[in-house]
Amino acid sequence: MTGAVDWIKPERLAQRALDESGDVNANGDFGSYAKANLNGTLEGSGIESHNLVFAEGRVELYRQLWRGLPLDSIADMGCGLGLTAGALADAFPNARVDGYELSPDAVSFARRRFPKANFECRAIGRDNDLGRRFDLILCQEFYPFTRTSDLDTHAEFLTVLRHHLTDHGCLIIELSERDFGTSILCNLERLSGFRIERTVMPFDRVFRYLPFLPLAQFASFFLGRATRMARNIHLKLTPLKGH
């Protein structure tokens, strides 16, 4: 993958996840996944420092944002412990939800906790063919779109994911604006082949209590002005026909 930092390459991450499987002393995501899988609970795993944990509230906002989209199939890339995928399966009961994650510990936990969704342990790379196409592909803090500003890396992964969209499908990327200089956010003007719509997501502490999108966005605007906290950016990328 041209220009990508070595540790962000899917094969490197997958090998690290395998090497650290079951290691509760590992750092970062993989150690938290091992703790959650071993104990069967998020409590004490430290996962809140690494993953989005208020899945039900966030997915309620997604349900409002995605109103009108035909959703028979949804993919959650880099789904971690399956919290969002499980909430999506509850919120969209008529849709098939598939979660893809390279950590065996995370997938083991997700399969036990969220039986309504489907989970597969695999890295997503340029040579992957998942054998399915999706109406919506969700990437929350998905590493190829964060931790690097390399345009070739971003364009390559967009090509891979676009191959897995249905004819009317779209791609959702969500990430923090604090990572602007090391994420796809700094390359949006240079990407081609997609119509890109950008929405500022409400702060977590707001939508937990105000699960109504307009109210949560209104309250978040003033909270952001007062605290200068980084906001989460919700990008909807719809492939342009003929590109």
C-alpha atoms as a PDB file:
ATOM      1  CA  MET A   1       0.000   0.000   0.000  1.00  0.00           C
ATOM      2  CA  THR A   2       1.925   2.981  -1.306  1.00  0.00           C
ATOM      3  CA  GLY A   3       2.921   5.566   1.263  1.00  0.00           C
ATOM      4  CA  ALA A   4       1.140   3.981   4.228  1.00  0.00           C
ATOM      5  CA  VAL A   5       2.954   3.785   7.529  1.00  0.00           C
ATOM      6  CA  ASP A   6       4.081   0.206   8.126  1.00  0.00           C
ATOM      7  CA  TRP A   7       2.057  -0.423  11.254  1.00  0.00           C
ATOM      8  CA  ILE A   8      -1.158   0.691   9.618  1.00  0.00           C
ATOM      9  CA  LYS A   9      -0.990  -1.895   6.836  1.00  0.00           C
ATOM     10  CA  PRO A  10      -3.763  -4.515   7.220  1.00  0.00           C
ATOM     11  CA  GLU A  11      -1.362  -7.453   7.210  1.00  0.00           C
ATOM     12  CA  ARG A  12       0.786  -5.877   9.932  1.00  0.00           C
ATOM     13  CA  LEU A  13      -2.225  -5.055  12.098  1.00  0.00           C
ATOM     14  CA  ALA A  14      -3.669  -8.533  11.591  1.00  0.00           C
ATOM     15  CA  GLN A  15      -0.401 -10.168  12.627  1.00  0.00           C
ATOM     16  CA  ARG A  16      -0.178  -7.967  15.701  1.00  0.00           C
ATOM     17  CA  ALA A  17      -3.777  -8.816  16.633  1.00  0.00           C
ATOM     18  CA  LEU A  18      -2.978 -12.524  16.294  1.00  0.00           C
ATOM     19  CA  ASP A  19       0.253 -12.231  18.284  1.00  0.00           C
ATOM     20  CA  GLU A  20      -1.512 -10.372  21.110  1.00  0.00           C
ATOM     21  CA  SER A  21      -4.652 -12.508  21.135  1.00  0.00           C
ATOM     22  CA  GLY A  22      -5.513 -13.418  24.716  1.00  0.00           C
ATOM     23  CA  ASP A  23      -2.847 -11.079  26.115  1.00  0.00           C
ATOM     24  CA  VAL A  24      -4.606  -8.947  28.732  1.00  0.00           C
ATOM     25  CA  ASN A  25      -1.348  -7.054  29.269  1.00  0.00           C
ATOM     26  CA  ALA A  26      -1.138  -5.868  25.678  1.00  0.00           C
ATOM     27  CA  ASN A  27      -1.434  -2.146  25.073  1.00  0.00           C
ATOM     28  CA  GLY A  28      -4.225  -0.321  23.299  1.00  0.00           C
ATOM     29  CA  ASP A  29      -7.203  -1.919  21.618  1.00  0.00           C
ATOM     30  CA  PHE A  30      -5.917  -5.479  21.623  1.00  0.00           C
ATOM     31  CA  GLY A  31      -5.320  -5.625  25.373  1.00  0.00           C
ATOM     32  CA  SER A  32      -8.786  -4.190  26.018  1.00  0.00           C
ATOM     33  CA  TYR A  33     -10.341  -6.719  23.647  1.00  0.00           C
ATOM     34  CA  ALA A  34      -8.554  -9.566  25.439  1.00  0.00           C
ATOM     35  CA  LYS A  35      -9.797  -8.374  28.849  1.00  0.00           C
ATOM     36  CA  ALA A  36     -13.389  -7.970  27.630  1.00  0.00           C
ATOM     37  CA  ASN A  37     -13.345 -11.398  25.991  1.00  0.00           C
ATOM     38  CA  LEU A  38     -11.803 -13.109  29.010  1.00  0.00           C
ATOM     39  CA  ASN A  39     -14.234 -11.572  31.501  1.00  0.00           C
ATOM     40  CA  GLY A  40     -17.286 -11.381  29.241  1.00  0.00           C
ATOM     41  CA  THR A  41     -17.870  -7.737  30.142  1.00  0.00           C
ATOM     42  CA  LEU A  42     -16.709  -4.253  29.197  1.00  0.00           C
ATOM     43  CA  GLU A  43     -16.207  -3.399  32.851  1.00  0.00           C
ATOM     44  CA  GLY A  44     -12.534  -3.113  33.708  1.00  0.00           C
ATOM     45  CA  SER A  45     -11.417  -3.594  30.104  1.00  0.00           C
ATOM     46  CA  GLY A  46     -10.511   0.046  29.518  1.00  0.00           C
ATOM     47  CA  ILE A  47     -12.221  -0.106  26.133  1.00  0.00           C
ATOM     48  CA  GLU A  48     -13.802   3.334  26.602  1.00  0.00           C
ATOM     49  CA  SER A  49     -10.346   4.843  26.017  1.00  0.00           C
ATOM     50  CA  HIS A  50     -10.122   3.247  22.577  1.00  0.00           C
ATOM     51  CA  ASN A  51     -13.591   2.612  21.126  1.00  0.00           C
ATOM     52  CA  LEU A  52     -16.953   4.356  20.906  1.00  0.00           C
ATOM     53  CA  VAL A  53     -19.008   2.770  23.679  1.00  0.00           C
ATOM     54  CA  PHE A  54     -22.336   4.644  23.618  1.00  0.00           C
ATOM     55  CA  ALA A  55     -23.503   2.620  20.648  1.00  0.00           C
ATOM     56  CA  GLU A  56     -27.274   2.700  21.183  1.00  0.00           C
ATOM     57  CA  GLY A  57     -27.427   6.497  21.381  1.00  0.00           C
ATOM     58  CA  ARG A  58     -25.104   6.962  18.439  1.00  0.00           C
ATOM     59  CA  VAL A  59     -27.058   4.500  16.294  1.00  0.00           C
ATOM     60  CA  GLU A  60     -30.280   6.333  17.153  1.00  0.00           C
ATOM     61  CA  LEU A  61     -28.683   9.423  15.610  1.00  0.00           C
ATOM     62  CA  TYR A  62     -27.602   7.339  12.616  1.00  0.00           C
ATOM     63  CA  ARG A  63     -31.185   6.136  12.192  1.00  0.00           C
ATOM     64  CA  GLN A  64     -32.253   9.771  11.901  1.00  0.00           C
ATOM     65  CA  LEU A  65     -29.363  10.715   9.603  1.00  0.00           C
ATOM     66  CA  TRP A  66     -29.941   7.734   7.316  1.00  0.00           C
ATOM     67  CA  ARG A  67     -33.708   8.093   7.067  1.00  0.00           C
ATOM     68  CA  GLY A  68     -34.757   7.341   3.506  1.00  0.00           C
ATOM     69  CA  LEU A  69     -31.753   5.190   2.631  1.00  0.00           C
ATOM     70  CA  PRO A  70     -32.690   1.683   1.437  1.00  0.00           C
ATOM     71  CA  LEU A  71     -30.788  -0.473   3.936  1.00  0.00           C
ATOM     72  CA  ASP A  72     -31.006  -4.215   3.412  1.00  0.00           C
ATOM     73  CA  SER A  73     -27.332  -4.827   4.175  1.00  0.00           C
ATOM     74  CA  ILE A  74     -24.868  -2.937   6.391  1.00  0.00           C
ATOM     75  CA  ALA A  75     -21.160  -3.551   6.981  1.00  0.00           C
ATOM     76  CA  ASP A  76     -19.288  -2.235  10.023  1.00  0.00           C
ATOM     77  CA  MET A  77     -15.572  -2.139   9.165  1.00  0.00           C
ATOM     78  CA  GLY A  78     -13.167  -2.424  12.068  1.00  0.00           C
ATOM     79  CA  CYS A  79     -16.126  -3.208  14.313  1.00  0.00           C
ATOM     80  CA  GLY A  80     -14.078  -3.886  17.466  1.00  0.00           C
ATOM     81  CA  LEU A  81     -16.176  -5.590  20.132  1.00  0.00           C
ATOM     82  CA  GLY A  82     -19.276  -5.324  17.941  1.00  0.00           C
ATOM     83  CA  LEU A  83     -21.044  -2.650  20.002  1.00  0.00           C
ATOM     84  CA  THR A  84     -22.112  -0.565  17.017  1.00  0.00           C
ATOM     85  CA  ALA A  85     -22.870  -3.587  14.818  1.00  0.00           C
ATOM     86  CA  GLY A  86     -25.087  -5.034  17.556  1.00  0.00           C
ATOM     87  CA  ALA A  87     -26.933  -1.737  17.969  1.00  0.00           C
ATOM     88  CA  LEU A  88     -27.353  -1.466  14.190  1.00  0.00           C
ATOM     89  CA  ALA A  89     -28.890  -4.951  14.084  1.00  0.00           C
ATOM     90  CA  ASP A  90     -31.433  -3.843  16.707  1.00  0.00           C
ATOM     91  CA  ALA A  91     -32.167  -0.495  15.027  1.00  0.00           C
ATOM     92  CA  PHE A  92     -32.507  -1.953  11.514  1.00  0.00           C
ATOM     93  CA  PRO A  93     -34.107  -5.380  12.122  1.00  0.00           C
ATOM     94  CA  ASN A  94     -34.838  -5.964   8.431  1.00  0.00           C
ATOM     95  CA  ALA A  95     -31.207  -5.458   7.415  1.00  0.00           C
ATOM     96  CA  ARG A  96     -28.363  -7.938   7.540  1.00  0.00           C
ATOM     97  CA  VAL A  97     -25.480  -6.479   9.581  1.00  0.00           C
ATOM     98  CA  ASP A  98     -21.929  -7.777   9.125  1.00  0.00           C
ATOM     99  CA  GLY A  99     -19.020  -6.725  11.316  1.00  0.00           C
ATOM    100  CA  TYR A 100     -15.396  -7.152  10.213  1.00  0.00           C
ATOM    101  CA  GLU A 101     -12.562  -7.013  12.727  1.00  0.00           C
ATOM    102  CA  LEU A 102      -9.003  -8.335  12.744  1.00  0.00           C
ATOM    103  CA  SER A 103      -8.824  -9.124  16.494  1.00  0.00           C
ATOM    104  CA  PRO A 104      -9.826 -12.734  17.349  1.00  0.00           C
ATOM    105  CA  ASP A 105     -10.630 -11.637  20.925  1.00  0.00           C
ATOM    106  CA  ALA A 106     -12.975  -8.890  19.745  1.00  0.00           C
ATOM    107  CA  VAL A 107     -14.770 -11.170  17.290  1.00  0.00           C
ATOM    108  CA  SER A 108     -15.187 -13.888  19.932  1.00  0.00           C
ATOM    109  CA  PHE A 109     -16.758 -11.357  22.326  1.00  0.00           C
ATOM    110  CA  ALA A 110     -19.001  -9.883  19.604  1.00  0.00           C
ATOM    111  CA  ARG A 111     -20.346 -13.247  18.473  1.00  0.00           C
ATOM    112  CA  ARG A 112     -21.389 -14.157  22.008  1.00  0.00           C
ATOM    113  CA  ARG A 113     -22.839 -10.762  22.915  1.00  0.00           C
ATOM    114  CA  PHE A 114     -24.593  -9.780  19.673  1.00  0.00           C
ATOM    115  CA  PRO A 115     -26.093 -12.839  17.960  1.00  0.00           C
ATOM    116  CA  LYS A 116     -28.325 -10.765  15.644  1.00  0.00           C
ATOM    117  CA  ALA A 117     -25.274  -9.543  13.728  1.00  0.00           C
ATOM    118  CA  ASN A 118     -22.672 -11.546  11.806  1.00  0.00           C
ATOM    119  CA  PHE A 119     -18.975 -11.210  12.576  1.00  0.00           C
ATOM    120  CA  GLU A 120     -15.885 -12.233  10.659  1.00  0.00           C
ATOM    121  CA  CYS A 121     -12.255 -12.048  11.767  1.00  0.00           C
ATOM    122  CA  ARG A 122     -10.296 -10.619   8.854  1.00  0.00           C
ATOM    123  CA  ALA A 123      -8.261  -7.623   7.788  1.00  0.00           C
ATOM    124  CA  ILE A 124      -9.618  -5.388   5.046  1.00  0.00           C
ATOM    125  CA  GLY A 125      -7.005  -4.775   2.365  1.00  0.00           C
ATOM    126  CA  ARG A 126      -6.660  -4.010  -1.301  1.00  0.00           C
ATOM    127  CA  ASP A 127      -6.832  -7.647  -2.374  1.00  0.00           C
ATOM    128  CA  ASN A 128      -9.902  -8.526  -0.294  1.00  0.00           C
ATOM    129  CA  ASP A 129     -13.181  -9.663  -1.753  1.00  0.00           C
ATOM    130  CA  LEU A 130     -15.752 -10.138   0.982  1.00  0.00           C
ATOM    131  CA  GLY A 131     -18.136 -11.958  -1.355  1.00  0.00           C
ATOM    132  CA  ARG A 132     -20.959  -9.576  -0.520  1.00  0.00           C
ATOM    133  CA  ARG A 133     -22.129  -6.087  -1.465  1.00  0.00           C
ATOM    134  CA  PHE A 134     -23.667  -3.632   0.968  1.00  0.00           C
ATOM    135  CA  ASP A 135     -26.125  -0.754   0.876  1.00  0.00           C
ATOM    136  CA  LEU A 136     -24.055   1.007   3.515  1.00  0.00           C
ATOM    137  CA  ILE A 137     -20.482   0.544   4.733  1.00  0.00           C
ATOM    138  CA  LEU A 138     -19.669   2.212   8.059  1.00  0.00           C
ATOM    139  CA  CYS A 139     -16.096   3.090   9.041  1.00  0.00           C
ATOM    140  CA  GLN A 140     -15.824   4.521  12.567  1.00  0.00           C
ATOM    141  CA  GLU A 141     -12.243   5.596  13.273  1.00  0.00           C
ATOM    142  CA  PHE A 142     -11.154   3.038  10.664  1.00  0.00           C
ATOM    143  CA  TYR A 143      -7.354   3.151  10.590  1.00  0.00           C
ATOM    144  CA  PRO A 144      -6.736   3.534   6.849  1.00  0.00           C
ATOM    145  CA  PHE A 145      -8.744   6.772   7.028  1.00  0.00           C
ATOM    146  CA  THR A 146      -6.990   7.923  10.217  1.00  0.00           C
ATOM    147  CA  ARG A 147      -3.385   7.822  11.456  1.00  0.00           C
ATOM    148  CA  THR A 148      -2.132   8.781   7.981  1.00  0.00           C
ATOM    149  CA  SER A 149      -2.520  11.731   5.637  1.00  0.00           C
ATOM    150  CA  ASP A 150      -1.389   9.726   2.612  1.00  0.00           C
ATOM    151  CA  LEU A 151      -3.738  10.412  -0.297  1.00  0.00           C
ATOM    152  CA  ASP A 152      -2.821   7.195  -2.135  1.00  0.00           C
ATOM    153  CA  THR A 153      -3.748   5.124   0.929  1.00  0.00           C
ATOM    154  CA  HIS A 154      -7.112   6.846   1.267  1.00  0.00           C
ATOM    155  CA  ALA A 155      -7.894   6.557  -2.452  1.00  0.00           C
ATOM    156  CA  GLU A 156      -6.899   2.893  -2.505  1.00  0.00           C
ATOM    157  CA  PHE A 157      -9.170   1.957   0.380  1.00  0.00           C
ATOM    158  CA  LEU A 158     -12.043   3.931  -1.101  1.00  0.00           C
ATOM    159  CA  THR A 159     -11.636   1.884  -4.277  1.00  0.00           C
ATOM    160  CA  VAL A 160     -11.701  -1.378  -2.293  1.00  0.00           C
ATOM    161  CA  LEU A 161     -14.806  -0.381  -0.333  1.00  0.00           C
ATOM    162  CA  ARG A 162     -16.598   1.026  -3.370  1.00  0.00           C
ATOM    163  CA  HIS A 163     -16.244  -2.401  -4.989  1.00  0.00           C
ATOM    164  CA  HIS A 164     -18.362  -3.766  -2.119  1.00  0.00           C
ATOM    165  CA  LEU A 165     -21.245  -1.287  -2.453  1.00  0.00           C
ATOM    166  CA  THR A 166     -24.543  -2.013  -4.151  1.00  0.00           C
ATOM    167  CA  ASP A 167     -25.539   0.184  -7.087  1.00  0.00           C
ATOM    168  CA  HIS A 168     -27.339   2.551  -4.698  1.00  0.00           C
ATOM    169  CA  GLY A 169     -24.926   2.107  -1.790  1.00  0.00           C
ATOM    170  CA  CYS A 170     -22.940   4.681   0.155  1.00  0.00           C
ATOM    171  CA  LEU A 171     -19.935   4.809   2.440  1.00  0.00           C
ATOM    172  CA  ILE A 172     -19.969   6.464   5.878  1.00  0.00           C
ATOM    173  CA  ILE A 173     -16.695   7.553   7.492  1.00  0.00           C
ATOM    174  CA  GLU A 174     -16.729   8.984  11.003  1.00  0.00           C
ATOM    175  CA  LEU A 175     -13.688  10.406  12.740  1.00  0.00           C
ATOM    176  CA  SER A 176     -12.590  13.234  15.000  1.00  0.00           C
ATOM    177  CA  GLU A 177     -11.604  16.618  13.604  1.00  0.00           C
ATOM    178  CA  ARG A 178      -8.661  16.616  16.028  1.00  0.00           C
ATOM    179  CA  ASP A 179      -7.035  14.223  13.568  1.00  0.00           C
ATOM    180  CA  PHE A 180      -7.475  16.583  10.611  1.00  0.00           C
ATOM    181  CA  GLY A 181      -3.800  16.614   9.640  1.00  0.00           C
ATOM    182  CA  THR A 182      -3.412  12.839   9.840  1.00  0.00           C
ATOM    183  CA  SER A 183      -6.669  11.613   8.333  1.00  0.00           C
ATOM    184  CA  ILE A 184      -8.786  11.584   5.199  1.00  0.00           C
ATOM    185  CA  LEU A 185     -10.207  14.948   6.282  1.00  0.00           C
ATOM    186  CA  CYS A 186      -7.155  16.744   4.897  1.00  0.00           C
ATOM    187  CA  ASN A 187      -7.643  15.107   1.484  1.00  0.00           C
ATOM    188  CA  LEU A 188     -11.375  15.565   0.876  1.00  0.00           C
ATOM    189  CA  GLU A 189     -10.847  18.235  -1.783  1.00  0.00           C
ATOM    190  CA  ARG A 190      -8.457  15.957  -3.659  1.00  0.00           C
ATOM    191  CA  LEU A 191     -10.651  12.867  -3.805  1.00  0.00           C
ATOM    192  CA  SER A 192     -12.643  12.100  -6.927  1.00  0.00           C
ATOM    193  CA  GLY A 193     -15.486   9.786  -7.837  1.00  0.00           C
ATOM    194  CA  PHE A 194     -17.731  10.541  -4.854  1.00  0.00           C
ATOM    195  CA  ARG A 195     -20.273  13.096  -3.769  1.00  0.00           C
ATOM    196  CA  ILE A 196     -19.224  13.955  -0.219  1.00  0.00           C
ATOM    197  CA  GLU A 197     -21.651  15.245   2.414  1.00  0.00           C
ATOM    198  CA  ARG A 198     -20.251  16.372   5.759  1.00  0.00           C
ATOM    199  CA  THR A 199     -22.216  16.476   9.035  1.00  0.00           C
ATOM    200  CA  VAL A 200     -20.946  17.477  12.479  1.00  0.00           C
ATOM    201  CA  MET A 201     -22.017  14.852  15.020  1.00  0.00           C
ATOM    202  CA  PRO A 202     -23.229  15.882  18.487  1.00  0.00           C
ATOM    203  CA  PHE A 203     -20.891  15.336  21.413  1.00  0.00           C
ATOM    204  CA  ASP A 204     -21.229  11.982  23.190  1.00  0.00           C
ATOM    205  CA  ARG A 205     -22.194  13.594  26.479  1.00  0.00           C
ATOM    206  CA  VAL A 206     -25.035  15.409  24.694  1.00  0.00           C
ATOM    207  CA  PHE A 207     -26.673  12.652  22.651  1.00  0.00           C
ATOM    208  CA  ARG A 208     -26.744  10.352  25.682  1.00  0.00           C
ATOM    209  CA  TYR A 209     -29.406  12.684  27.094  1.00  0.00           C
ATOM    210  CA  LEU A 210     -30.795  14.223  23.895  1.00  0.00           C
ATOM    211  CA  PRO A 211     -31.206  11.432  21.330  1.00  0.00           C
ATOM    212  CA  PHE A 212     -32.934  13.808  18.900  1.00  0.00           C
ATOM    213  CA  LEU A 213     -30.539  14.956  16.198  1.00  0.00           C
ATOM    214  CA  PRO A 214     -31.525  18.649  15.804  1.00  0.00           C
ATOM    215  CA  LEU A 215     -31.625  19.230  19.580  1.00  0.00           C
ATOM    216  CA  ALA A 216     -28.365  17.369  20.132  1.00  0.00           C
ATOM    217  CA  GLN A 217     -26.639  19.351  17.396  1.00  0.00           C
ATOM    218  CA  PHE A 218     -27.973  22.637  18.788  1.00  0.00           C
ATOM    219  CA  ALA A 219     -26.764  21.844  22.317  1.00  0.00           C
ATOM    220  CA  SER A 220     -23.424  20.613  20.992  1.00  0.00           C
ATOM    221  CA  PHE A 221     -22.835  23.852  19.126  1.00  0.00           C
ATOM    222  CA  PHE A 222     -22.900  25.868  22.341  1.00  0.00           C
ATOM    223  CA  LEU A 223     -20.964  23.229  24.293  1.00  0.00           C
ATOM    224  CA  GLY A 224     -18.294  23.263  21.609  1.00  0.00           C
ATOM    225  CA  ARG A 225     -18.035  27.047  21.713  1.00  0.00           C
ATOM    226  CA  ALA A 226     -17.609  26.922  25.497  1.00  0.00           C
ATOM    227  CA  THR A 227     -15.153  24.014  25.718  1.00  0.00           C
ATOM    228  CA  ARG A 228     -13.355  23.964  22.337  1.00  0.00           C
ATOM    229  CA  MET A 229     -13.671  20.182  22.334  1.00  0.00           C
ATOM    230  CA  ALA A 230     -12.888  18.388  19.080  1.00  0.00           C
ATOM    231  CA  ARG A 231     -15.988  17.359  17.157  1.00  0.00           C
ATOM    232  CA  ASN A 232     -16.741  14.088  15.371  1.00  0.00           C
ATOM    233  CA  ILE A 233     -17.234  14.475  11.633  1.00  0.00           C
ATOM    234  CA  HIS A 234     -19.705  12.230   9.789  1.00  0.00           C
ATOM    235  CA  LEU A 235     -18.885  11.875   6.085  1.00  0.00           C
ATOM    236  CA  LYS A 236     -21.295  10.327   3.609  1.00  0.00           C
ATOM    237  CA  LEU A 237     -19.596   9.352   0.350  1.00  0.00           C
ATOM    238  CA  THR A 238     -21.898   8.400  -2.535  1.00  0.00           C
ATOM    239  CA  PRO A 239     -20.198   7.056  -5.688  1.00  0.00           C
ATOM    240  CA  LEU A 240     -20.723   9.172  -8.764  1.00  0.00           C
ATOM    241  CA  LYS A 241     -21.976   7.267 -11.794  1.00  0.00           C
ATOM    242  CA  GLY A 242     -19.429   6.938 -14.555  1.00  0.00           C
ATOM    243  CA  HIS A 243     -16.396   7.496 -12.301  1.00  0.00           C
END
